[in-house]
Amino acid sequence: GGDYYDFIPADYDPIGKENEGENPPSLIQNLKSKIDKGRWSIVIGDVMGKGVPAGLLMTMTRGMLRAEVLNRHSPARILQHLNRVMHADLENSHRFVTLFYSEYDPKTRVLSYSNAAHHPPLLWQAATNTILGLDTLEGMLIGLDPDSHYQEAQVQLQPGDTIIYYTDGFTDAANQRGDRFDEDNLTAAFQWACQNYQQSEEILDYLFDQVQQFIGIGNRNADDMTLVVLRVTPLTGENQHDS
């Protein structure tokens, strides 16, 4: 389908220059060291349309985006470059791509992001039990205008804070009466899950269950549904880890 999500080690050194010497580490060792100490790119996107054409365009988007990440530009610059490179192919196919690109640094707990007209992820702040949308003021669809500009923003996360990235298959899911699950139901279900579950996988499973109950057991949603959950969880003392 046309849905896309990805996790990319943003600090990955593909040629191992930082580790040159008589006994350079293997590719696996180099990658693992980067994953253990570095930043991660977390991405979600959606190609307009369904079927094989949308799937092929999303595969192309994935490859080009991963190449851009290796250049270590800012999130806004990555989307700007991606838009320019893909504009001709998307225009010829009469399709566009929505894409939310973010980078998370587990050491500082700072999430940097830029948005190309995708549904803004929802952030639940544990300290205040409030939910915010993560969006930018500027950022058009990928493929709409080759000269589009994208903005960048940052948010400081705290232990317990949780983010969901999602595609419109969630909010557009409809029951037998034609009612949509919509953003309000998703927000309410997300807030309840954050208050009652500790693990990111539990939150994800709960949200999928709520959508399925809404559309009716045994009924199938016509569109793909994609969901990514990021939760910052405390360990002991000052140490933190992220799931």
C-alpha atoms as a PDB file:
ATOM      1  CA  GLY A   1       0.000   0.000   0.000  1.00  0.00           C
ATOM      2  CA  GLY A   2       0.864   3.661   0.154  1.00  0.00           C
ATOM      3  CA  ASP A   3       1.527   3.892   3.895  1.00  0.00           C
ATOM      4  CA  TYR A   4       5.134   4.177   5.023  1.00  0.00           C
ATOM      5  CA  TYR A   5       6.918   4.228   8.360  1.00  0.00           C
ATOM      6  CA  ASP A   6      10.605   3.898   9.069  1.00  0.00           C
ATOM      7  CA  PHE A   7      13.286   3.974  11.773  1.00  0.00           C
ATOM      8  CA  ILE A   8      16.691   5.116  10.545  1.00  0.00           C
ATOM      9  CA  PRO A   9      19.901   5.506  12.601  1.00  0.00           C
ATOM     10  CA  ALA A  10      20.626   9.161  11.824  1.00  0.00           C
ATOM     11  CA  ASP A  11      24.244   9.016  13.034  1.00  0.00           C
ATOM     12  CA  TYR A  12      25.169   5.975  10.963  1.00  0.00           C
ATOM     13  CA  ASP A  13      28.663   6.268   9.439  1.00  0.00           C
ATOM     14  CA  PRO A  14      28.440   4.172   6.233  1.00  0.00           C
ATOM     15  CA  ILE A  15      32.187   4.089   5.535  1.00  0.00           C
ATOM     16  CA  GLY A  16      33.477   3.932   9.105  1.00  0.00           C
ATOM     17  CA  LYS A  17      35.826   6.912   8.866  1.00  0.00           C
ATOM     18  CA  GLU A  18      35.605   7.497  12.586  1.00  0.00           C
ATOM     19  CA  ASN A  19      36.999   3.999  13.219  1.00  0.00           C
ATOM     20  CA  GLU A  20      39.809   3.766  10.682  1.00  0.00           C
ATOM     21  CA  GLY A  21      42.941   1.944  11.896  1.00  0.00           C
ATOM     22  CA  GLU A  22      44.737  -1.344  11.812  1.00  0.00           C
ATOM     23  CA  ASN A  23      41.690  -3.317  12.957  1.00  0.00           C
ATOM     24  CA  PRO A  24      38.564  -1.453  11.794  1.00  0.00           C
ATOM     25  CA  PRO A  25      35.282  -2.836  13.163  1.00  0.00           C
ATOM     26  CA  SER A  26      32.915  -4.801  11.013  1.00  0.00           C
ATOM     27  CA  LEU A  27      29.894  -3.127   9.460  1.00  0.00           C
ATOM     28  CA  ILE A  28      27.633  -4.753  12.058  1.00  0.00           C
ATOM     29  CA  GLN A  29      29.833  -3.551  14.943  1.00  0.00           C
ATOM     30  CA  ASN A  30      29.941  -0.047  13.503  1.00  0.00           C
ATOM     31  CA  LEU A  31      26.170   0.065  13.036  1.00  0.00           C
ATOM     32  CA  LYS A  32      25.511  -1.229  16.538  1.00  0.00           C
ATOM     33  CA  SER A  33      27.766   1.403  18.099  1.00  0.00           C
ATOM     34  CA  LYS A  34      25.885   4.122  16.242  1.00  0.00           C
ATOM     35  CA  ILE A  35      22.505   2.767  17.291  1.00  0.00           C
ATOM     36  CA  ASP A  36      23.542   2.520  20.930  1.00  0.00           C
ATOM     37  CA  LYS A  37      24.711   6.106  21.245  1.00  0.00           C
ATOM     38  CA  GLY A  38      23.156   8.050  18.374  1.00  0.00           C
ATOM     39  CA  ARG A  39      20.035   9.731  17.144  1.00  0.00           C
ATOM     40  CA  TRP A  40      17.166   8.017  15.367  1.00  0.00           C
ATOM     41  CA  SER A  41      15.031   9.255  12.499  1.00  0.00           C
ATOM     42  CA  ILE A  42      11.362   8.334  12.884  1.00  0.00           C
ATOM     43  CA  VAL A  43       9.256   8.795   9.766  1.00  0.00           C
ATOM     44  CA  ILE A  44       5.649   8.306   8.711  1.00  0.00           C
ATOM     45  CA  GLY A  45       4.070   9.069   5.364  1.00  0.00           C
ATOM     46  CA  ASP A  46       1.272   8.327   2.939  1.00  0.00           C
ATOM     47  CA  VAL A  47       1.044   8.336  -0.864  1.00  0.00           C
ATOM     48  CA  MET A  48      -2.282   9.575  -2.204  1.00  0.00           C
ATOM     49  CA  GLY A  49      -4.070   6.632  -3.782  1.00  0.00           C
ATOM     50  CA  LYS A  50      -3.955   2.886  -3.271  1.00  0.00           C
ATOM     51  CA  GLY A  51      -2.649  -0.249  -4.893  1.00  0.00           C
ATOM     52  CA  VAL A  52       0.555  -1.070  -6.721  1.00  0.00           C
ATOM     53  CA  PRO A  53       1.236   2.456  -8.098  1.00  0.00           C
ATOM     54  CA  ALA A  54       1.089   3.959  -4.599  1.00  0.00           C
ATOM     55  CA  GLY A  55       3.246   1.158  -3.235  1.00  0.00           C
ATOM     56  CA  LEU A  56       5.912   1.696  -5.896  1.00  0.00           C
ATOM     57  CA  LEU A  57       6.034   5.430  -5.237  1.00  0.00           C
ATOM     58  CA  MET A  58       6.351   4.837  -1.512  1.00  0.00           C
ATOM     59  CA  THR A  59       9.226   2.422  -2.128  1.00  0.00           C
ATOM     60  CA  MET A  60      10.942   5.135  -4.167  1.00  0.00           C
ATOM     61  CA  THR A  61      10.278   7.658  -1.401  1.00  0.00           C
ATOM     62  CA  ARG A  62      11.857   5.338   1.159  1.00  0.00           C
ATOM     63  CA  GLY A  63      15.050   4.897  -0.833  1.00  0.00           C
ATOM     64  CA  MET A  64      15.488   8.590  -1.571  1.00  0.00           C
ATOM     65  CA  LEU A  65      14.722   9.617   2.004  1.00  0.00           C
ATOM     66  CA  ARG A  66      17.247   7.175   3.450  1.00  0.00           C
ATOM     67  CA  ALA A  67      19.893   8.572   1.101  1.00  0.00           C
ATOM     68  CA  GLU A  68      19.089  12.112   2.292  1.00  0.00           C
ATOM     69  CA  VAL A  69      19.364  11.108   5.948  1.00  0.00           C
ATOM     70  CA  LEU A  70      22.951   9.957   5.379  1.00  0.00           C
ATOM     71  CA  ASN A  71      23.830  13.528   4.355  1.00  0.00           C
ATOM     72  CA  ARG A  72      22.978  14.622   7.920  1.00  0.00           C
ATOM     73  CA  HIS A  73      21.018  17.701   6.963  1.00  0.00           C
ATOM     74  CA  SER A  74      18.331  19.242   9.195  1.00  0.00           C
ATOM     75  CA  PRO A  75      14.796  17.794   9.030  1.00  0.00           C
ATOM     76  CA  ALA A  76      13.511  20.784   7.049  1.00  0.00           C
ATOM     77  CA  ARG A  77      16.388  20.578   4.554  1.00  0.00           C
ATOM     78  CA  ILE A  78      15.843  16.832   4.129  1.00  0.00           C
ATOM     79  CA  LEU A  79      12.204  17.384   3.156  1.00  0.00           C
ATOM     80  CA  GLN A  80      13.166  20.239   0.852  1.00  0.00           C
ATOM     81  CA  HIS A  81      15.703  18.077  -0.995  1.00  0.00           C
ATOM     82  CA  LEU A  82      13.311  15.116  -1.143  1.00  0.00           C
ATOM     83  CA  ASN A  83      10.580  17.292  -2.622  1.00  0.00           C
ATOM     84  CA  ARG A  84      12.856  18.627  -5.363  1.00  0.00           C
ATOM     85  CA  VAL A  85      14.162  15.194  -6.325  1.00  0.00           C
ATOM     86  CA  MET A  86      10.733  13.520  -6.420  1.00  0.00           C
ATOM     87  CA  HIS A  87       8.694  16.360  -7.922  1.00  0.00           C
ATOM     88  CA  ALA A  88       8.878  15.284 -11.581  1.00  0.00           C
ATOM     89  CA  ASP A  89       7.969  11.634 -10.944  1.00  0.00           C
ATOM     90  CA  LEU A  90       5.111  12.526  -8.616  1.00  0.00           C
ATOM     91  CA  GLU A  91       3.768  15.194 -10.975  1.00  0.00           C
ATOM     92  CA  ASN A  92       3.789  12.763 -13.891  1.00  0.00           C
ATOM     93  CA  SER A  93       1.927  10.172 -11.840  1.00  0.00           C
ATOM     94  CA  HIS A  94      -0.591  12.762 -10.581  1.00  0.00           C
ATOM     95  CA  ARG A  95       0.089  11.701  -7.012  1.00  0.00           C
ATOM     96  CA  PHE A  96       1.518  13.394  -3.943  1.00  0.00           C
ATOM     97  CA  VAL A  97       3.078  12.301  -0.664  1.00  0.00           C
ATOM     98  CA  THR A  98       2.440  13.487   2.875  1.00  0.00           C
ATOM     99  CA  LEU A  99       5.435  12.956   5.151  1.00  0.00           C
ATOM    100  CA  PHE A 100       6.327  13.713   8.763  1.00  0.00           C
ATOM    101  CA  TYR A 101      10.055  13.449   9.420  1.00  0.00           C
ATOM    102  CA  SER A 102      11.569  13.603  12.909  1.00  0.00           C
ATOM    103  CA  GLU A 103      14.887  12.944  14.639  1.00  0.00           C
ATOM    104  CA  TYR A 104      15.079  11.899  18.269  1.00  0.00           C
ATOM    105  CA  ASP A 105      18.184  12.219  20.428  1.00  0.00           C
ATOM    106  CA  PRO A 106      17.925   9.833  23.416  1.00  0.00           C
ATOM    107  CA  LYS A 107      20.679  11.678  25.273  1.00  0.00           C
ATOM    108  CA  THR A 108      18.931  15.067  25.333  1.00  0.00           C
ATOM    109  CA  ARG A 109      15.367  13.749  24.814  1.00  0.00           C
ATOM    110  CA  VAL A 110      14.886  16.406  22.121  1.00  0.00           C
ATOM    111  CA  LEU A 111      12.693  15.604  19.115  1.00  0.00           C
ATOM    112  CA  SER A 112      13.364  17.747  16.015  1.00  0.00           C
ATOM    113  CA  TYR A 113      10.831  17.526  13.203  1.00  0.00           C
ATOM    114  CA  SER A 114       9.439  18.913   9.955  1.00  0.00           C
ATOM    115  CA  ASN A 115       6.080  18.225   8.354  1.00  0.00           C
ATOM    116  CA  ALA A 116       5.022  17.932   4.711  1.00  0.00           C
ATOM    117  CA  ALA A 117       1.231  18.147   5.181  1.00  0.00           C
ATOM    118  CA  HIS A 118       0.928  14.885   7.126  1.00  0.00           C
ATOM    119  CA  HIS A 119      -1.431  14.453  10.079  1.00  0.00           C
ATOM    120  CA  PRO A 120       0.464  15.968  13.028  1.00  0.00           C
ATOM    121  CA  PRO A 121       1.552  13.330  15.554  1.00  0.00           C
ATOM    122  CA  LEU A 122       0.014  13.624  19.015  1.00  0.00           C
ATOM    123  CA  LEU A 123       2.173  14.204  22.087  1.00  0.00           C
ATOM    124  CA  TRP A 124       0.869  13.230  25.525  1.00  0.00           C
ATOM    125  CA  GLN A 125       2.720  15.111  28.245  1.00  0.00           C
ATOM    126  CA  ALA A 126       2.818  12.939  31.345  1.00  0.00           C
ATOM    127  CA  ALA A 127       3.383  15.756  33.841  1.00  0.00           C
ATOM    128  CA  THR A 128       0.231  17.669  32.858  1.00  0.00           C
ATOM    129  CA  ASN A 129      -1.923  14.935  31.231  1.00  0.00           C
ATOM    130  CA  THR A 130      -2.340  17.153  28.161  1.00  0.00           C
ATOM    131  CA  ILE A 131      -2.116  16.385  24.460  1.00  0.00           C
ATOM    132  CA  LEU A 132      -0.455  18.572  21.838  1.00  0.00           C
ATOM    133  CA  GLY A 133      -0.230  18.267  18.064  1.00  0.00           C
ATOM    134  CA  LEU A 134       3.279  18.378  16.620  1.00  0.00           C
ATOM    135  CA  ASP A 135       3.078  20.527  13.500  1.00  0.00           C
ATOM    136  CA  THR A 136       4.822  23.343  11.646  1.00  0.00           C
ATOM    137  CA  LEU A 137       3.330  26.461  10.089  1.00  0.00           C
ATOM    138  CA  GLU A 138       4.782  25.802   6.653  1.00  0.00           C
ATOM    139  CA  GLY A 139       5.139  22.575   4.675  1.00  0.00           C
ATOM    140  CA  MET A 140       3.296  21.507   1.521  1.00  0.00           C
ATOM    141  CA  LEU A 141       2.791  18.044   0.070  1.00  0.00           C
ATOM    142  CA  ILE A 142       5.848  16.341  -1.389  1.00  0.00           C
ATOM    143  CA  GLY A 143       5.593  16.697  -5.180  1.00  0.00           C
ATOM    144  CA  LEU A 144       3.200  19.645  -5.311  1.00  0.00           C
ATOM    145  CA  ASP A 145       5.682  22.483  -5.860  1.00  0.00           C
ATOM    146  CA  PRO A 146       9.432  22.008  -6.467  1.00  0.00           C
ATOM    147  CA  ASP A 147      10.189  25.239  -4.597  1.00  0.00           C
ATOM    148  CA  SER A 148       8.243  24.426  -1.440  1.00  0.00           C
ATOM    149  CA  HIS A 149       9.820  25.500   1.836  1.00  0.00           C
ATOM    150  CA  TYR A 150       9.606  23.508   5.052  1.00  0.00           C
ATOM    151  CA  GLN A 151       9.899  24.646   8.636  1.00  0.00           C
ATOM    152  CA  GLU A 152      11.531  22.875  11.541  1.00  0.00           C
ATOM    153  CA  ALA A 153      10.548  22.698  15.193  1.00  0.00           C
ATOM    154  CA  GLN A 154      11.762  21.006  18.346  1.00  0.00           C
ATOM    155  CA  VAL A 155      10.133  19.703  21.484  1.00  0.00           C
ATOM    156  CA  GLN A 156      11.770  18.707  24.765  1.00  0.00           C
ATOM    157  CA  LEU A 157      10.399  15.376  25.974  1.00  0.00           C
ATOM    158  CA  GLN A 158      10.254  14.253  29.590  1.00  0.00           C
ATOM    159  CA  PRO A 159      10.050  10.791  31.198  1.00  0.00           C
ATOM    160  CA  GLY A 160       6.637   9.290  30.517  1.00  0.00           C
ATOM    161  CA  ASP A 161       5.891  11.506  27.524  1.00  0.00           C
ATOM    162  CA  THR A 162       4.376   9.568  24.636  1.00  0.00           C
ATOM    163  CA  ILE A 163       3.957  10.317  20.925  1.00  0.00           C
ATOM    164  CA  ILE A 164       1.813   8.579  18.316  1.00  0.00           C
ATOM    165  CA  TYR A 165       2.481   8.921  14.604  1.00  0.00           C
ATOM    166  CA  TYR A 166      -0.470   7.791  12.477  1.00  0.00           C
ATOM    167  CA  THR A 167      -1.932   7.752   8.967  1.00  0.00           C
ATOM    168  CA  ASP A 168      -5.451   8.766   7.946  1.00  0.00           C
ATOM    169  CA  GLY A 169      -6.569   5.144   7.838  1.00  0.00           C
ATOM    170  CA  PHE A 170      -7.093   5.481  11.593  1.00  0.00           C
ATOM    171  CA  THR A 171      -9.186   8.641  11.624  1.00  0.00           C
ATOM    172  CA  ASP A 172     -11.085   7.827   8.412  1.00  0.00           C
ATOM    173  CA  ALA A 173     -12.090   4.344   9.588  1.00  0.00           C
ATOM    174  CA  ALA A 174     -15.900   4.189   9.394  1.00  0.00           C
ATOM    175  CA  ASN A 175     -18.565   2.062  11.060  1.00  0.00           C
ATOM    176  CA  GLN A 176     -21.687   0.595   9.443  1.00  0.00           C
ATOM    177  CA  ARG A 177     -23.518   3.940   9.761  1.00  0.00           C
ATOM    178  CA  GLY A 178     -20.738   5.781   7.960  1.00  0.00           C
ATOM    179  CA  ASP A 179     -19.456   7.603  11.055  1.00  0.00           C
ATOM    180  CA  ARG A 180     -15.697   8.226  11.105  1.00  0.00           C
ATOM    181  CA  PHE A 181     -13.468   7.329  14.053  1.00  0.00           C
ATOM    182  CA  ASP A 182     -12.033  10.879  13.638  1.00  0.00           C
ATOM    183  CA  GLU A 183      -9.353  12.788  15.546  1.00  0.00           C
ATOM    184  CA  ASP A 184     -11.440  13.338  18.681  1.00  0.00           C
ATOM    185  CA  ASN A 185     -11.952   9.613  19.285  1.00  0.00           C
ATOM    186  CA  LEU A 186      -8.297   8.903  18.577  1.00  0.00           C
ATOM    187  CA  THR A 187      -7.181  11.626  20.989  1.00  0.00           C
ATOM    188  CA  ALA A 188      -9.466  10.372  23.748  1.00  0.00           C
ATOM    189  CA  ALA A 189      -8.368   6.751  23.297  1.00  0.00           C
ATOM    190  CA  PHE A 190      -4.713   7.797  23.214  1.00  0.00           C
ATOM    191  CA  GLN A 191      -5.015   9.799  26.410  1.00  0.00           C
ATOM    192  CA  TRP A 192      -6.706   6.926  28.245  1.00  0.00           C
ATOM    193  CA  ALA A 193      -4.081   4.455  27.049  1.00  0.00           C
ATOM    194  CA  CYS A 194      -1.217   6.685  28.192  1.00  0.00           C
ATOM    195  CA  GLN A 195      -2.728   6.921  31.661  1.00  0.00           C
ATOM    196  CA  ASN A 196      -3.347   3.189  31.991  1.00  0.00           C
ATOM    197  CA  TYR A 197      -0.507   1.438  30.162  1.00  0.00           C
ATOM    198  CA  GLN A 198       3.248   1.550  30.622  1.00  0.00           C
ATOM    199  CA  GLN A 199       4.581  -0.076  27.459  1.00  0.00           C
ATOM    200  CA  SER A 200       4.433   1.418  23.969  1.00  0.00           C
ATOM    201  CA  GLU A 201       3.249  -1.883  22.505  1.00  0.00           C
ATOM    202  CA  GLU A 202       0.311  -1.965  24.930  1.00  0.00           C
ATOM    203  CA  ILE A 203      -0.733   1.520  23.811  1.00  0.00           C
ATOM    204  CA  LEU A 204      -0.468   0.513  20.163  1.00  0.00           C
ATOM    205  CA  ASP A 205      -2.548  -2.647  20.679  1.00  0.00           C
ATOM    206  CA  TYR A 206      -5.211  -0.738  22.609  1.00  0.00           C
ATOM    207  CA  LEU A 207      -5.613   1.874  19.862  1.00  0.00           C
ATOM    208  CA  PHE A 208      -5.951  -0.779  17.166  1.00  0.00           C
ATOM    209  CA  ASP A 209      -8.541  -2.578  19.324  1.00  0.00           C
ATOM    210  CA  GLN A 210     -10.546   0.629  19.775  1.00  0.00           C
ATOM    211  CA  VAL A 211     -10.681   1.256  16.038  1.00  0.00           C
ATOM    212  CA  GLN A 212     -11.716  -2.339  15.357  1.00  0.00           C
ATOM    213  CA  GLN A 213     -14.499  -2.147  17.942  1.00  0.00           C
ATOM    214  CA  PHE A 214     -15.677   1.118  16.377  1.00  0.00           C
ATOM    215  CA  ILE A 215     -15.944  -0.230  12.832  1.00  0.00           C
ATOM    216  CA  GLY A 216     -17.404  -3.505  14.091  1.00  0.00           C
ATOM    217  CA  ILE A 217     -15.897  -6.873  14.889  1.00  0.00           C
ATOM    218  CA  GLY A 218     -15.421  -8.798  11.664  1.00  0.00           C
ATOM    219  CA  ASN A 219     -15.575  -5.697   9.474  1.00  0.00           C
ATOM    220  CA  ARG A 220     -12.438  -4.581   7.656  1.00  0.00           C
ATOM    221  CA  ASN A 221     -11.219  -1.038   7.162  1.00  0.00           C
ATOM    222  CA  ALA A 222     -10.844  -0.161   3.479  1.00  0.00           C
ATOM    223  CA  ASP A 223      -7.631   1.799   4.003  1.00  0.00           C
ATOM    224  CA  ASP A 224      -4.256   0.922   5.484  1.00  0.00           C
ATOM    225  CA  MET A 225      -3.802   1.842   9.148  1.00  0.00           C
ATOM    226  CA  THR A 226      -0.304   2.651  10.348  1.00  0.00           C
ATOM    227  CA  LEU A 227       0.671   3.618  13.877  1.00  0.00           C
ATOM    228  CA  VAL A 228       4.014   4.298  15.573  1.00  0.00           C
ATOM    229  CA  VAL A 229       4.283   4.809  19.338  1.00  0.00           C
ATOM    230  CA  LEU A 230       7.275   6.448  21.028  1.00  0.00           C
ATOM    231  CA  ARG A 231       7.343   6.549  24.834  1.00  0.00           C
ATOM    232  CA  VAL A 232      10.105   7.958  27.022  1.00  0.00           C
ATOM    233  CA  THR A 233      10.308   5.728  30.091  1.00  0.00           C
ATOM    234  CA  PRO A 234      12.375   6.199  33.251  1.00  0.00           C
ATOM    235  CA  LEU A 235      14.758   3.525  34.460  1.00  0.00           C
ATOM    236  CA  THR A 236      16.513   4.198  37.754  1.00  0.00           C
ATOM    237  CA  GLY A 237      18.100   7.413  38.953  1.00  0.00           C
ATOM    238  CA  GLU A 238      19.141   9.620  36.080  1.00  0.00           C
ATOM    239  CA  ASN A 239      19.254   6.878  33.438  1.00  0.00           C
ATOM    240  CA  GLN A 240      16.561   6.789  30.808  1.00  0.00           C
ATOM    241  CA  HIS A 241      15.659   4.579  27.908  1.00  0.00           C
ATOM    242  CA  ASP A 242      13.083   4.867  25.143  1.00  0.00           C
ATOM    243  CA  SER A 243      10.666   2.362  23.693  1.00  0.00           C
END
